[in-house]
């Protein structure tokens, strides 16, 4: 098993899951659609390089890491709406 490819895929999978997890609810469908397109590119890479076991290990590691992030940080700091954002120092 190639650990370099496993780490690279784990980072990519974690980033994709993290973006979906921390996206505003109104925009989550569009982000998920973009992640599906990115996932298709990763799937093609996995099939071309024949690194199936590395991809499964990376996916499991990414799910565990994102679950830990959600349990430790994400539950207590939910994603806010863009309507609630206030910029300090603006005269509006």
Protein backbone atom coordinates (compact mmCIF):
# COMPACT_ATOMS: atom_id res chain seq x y z
CA UNK A 1 0.00 0.00 0.00
CA UNK A 2 1.36 3.42 -1.01
CA UNK A 3 1.10 5.74 1.99
CA UNK A 4 1.72 8.89 -0.05
CA UNK A 5 -1.33 8.29 -2.21
CA UNK A 6 -3.37 7.30 0.83
CA UNK A 7 -2.50 10.56 2.61
CA UNK A 8 -3.21 12.61 -0.52
CA UNK A 9 -6.59 10.98 -1.02
CA UNK A 10 -7.42 11.29 2.68
CA UNK A 11 -6.71 15.02 2.55
CA UNK A 12 -8.86 15.43 -0.57
CA UNK A 13 -11.74 13.39 0.86
CA UNK A 14 -11.50 15.24 4.20
CA UNK A 15 -11.57 18.60 2.44
CA UNK A 16 -14.60 17.60 0.41
CA UNK A 17 -16.49 16.31 3.45
CA UNK A 18 -15.47 19.35 5.49
CA UNK A 19 -16.72 21.76 2.82
CA UNK A 20 -20.09 20.03 2.68
CA UNK A 21 -20.29 19.93 6.48
CA UNK A 22 -19.45 23.63 7.00
CA UNK A 23 -21.47 25.09 4.12
CA UNK A 24 -24.50 27.26 4.68
CA UNK A 25 -27.74 25.25 4.40
CA UNK A 26 -29.03 27.26 1.43
CA UNK A 27 -25.93 26.57 -0.64
CA UNK A 28 -25.33 22.97 0.40
CA UNK A 29 -26.91 21.50 -2.76
CA UNK A 30 -24.58 23.45 -5.05
CA UNK A 31 -21.53 22.59 -3.01
CA UNK A 32 -22.53 18.92 -2.96
CA UNK A 33 -22.93 19.01 -6.75
CA UNK A 34 -19.44 20.48 -7.08
CA UNK A 35 -18.09 17.82 -4.75
CA UNK A 36 -19.69 15.12 -6.90
CA UNK A 37 -17.80 16.47 -9.88
CA UNK A 38 -14.59 16.49 -7.83
CA UNK A 39 -15.39 12.98 -6.61
CA UNK A 40 -15.72 11.81 -10.19
CA UNK A 41 -12.24 13.12 -10.95
CA UNK A 42 -10.88 11.28 -7.90
CA UNK A 43 -12.71 8.10 -8.95
CA UNK A 44 -11.14 8.27 -12.39
CA UNK A 45 -7.70 8.77 -10.84
CA UNK A 46 -8.23 5.76 -8.56
CA UNK A 47 -9.25 3.55 -11.47
CA UNK A 48 -6.44 4.79 -13.72
CA UNK A 49 -3.74 4.28 -11.07
CA UNK A 50 -5.38 1.11 -9.68
CA UNK A 51 -5.17 2.26 -6.06
CA UNK A 52 -8.48 0.92 -4.79
CA UNK A 53 -7.33 -0.22 -1.36
CA UNK A 54 -5.62 3.13 -0.74
CA UNK A 55 -8.79 4.97 -1.73
CA UNK A 56 -10.96 2.94 0.66
CA UNK A 57 -8.49 3.46 3.51
CA UNK A 58 -8.38 7.19 2.75
CA UNK A 59 -12.16 7.43 2.65
CA UNK A 60 -12.52 5.69 6.01
CA UNK A 61 -9.82 7.93 7.53
CA UNK A 62 -11.53 11.04 6.14
CA UNK A 63 -14.90 10.02 7.54
CA UNK A 64 -13.38 9.34 10.97
CA UNK A 65 -11.51 12.68 10.97
CA UNK A 66 -14.59 14.64 9.93
CA UNK A 67 -16.72 12.84 12.51
CA UNK A 68 -14.19 13.74 15.20
CA UNK A 69 -14.16 17.36 14.04
CA UNK A 70 -17.94 17.50 14.14
CA UNK A 71 -18.09 15.92 17.61
CA UNK A 72 -15.43 18.18 19.11
CA UNK A 73 -15.98 21.49 17.31
CA UNK A 74 -18.84 21.44 14.82
CA UNK A 75 -21.68 20.67 17.21
CA UNK A 76 -20.86 23.60 19.45
CA UNK A 77 -20.16 26.05 16.61
CA UNK A 78 -22.94 25.59 14.04
CA UNK A 79 -22.72 27.14 10.60
CA UNK A 80 -24.35 30.54 10.55
CA UNK A 81 -26.36 32.18 7.82
CA UNK A 82 -24.84 34.85 5.59
CA UNK A 83 -27.68 37.16 6.67
CA UNK A 84 -26.34 37.18 10.23
CA UNK A 85 -22.79 38.24 9.33
CA UNK A 86 -21.89 41.70 10.58
CA UNK A 87 -18.72 43.49 9.52
CA UNK A 88 -17.22 45.51 12.34
CA UNK A 89 -16.25 49.03 11.38
CA UNK A 90 -18.77 49.56 8.60
CA UNK A 91 -21.00 52.65 8.85
CA UNK A 92 -24.10 50.92 7.44
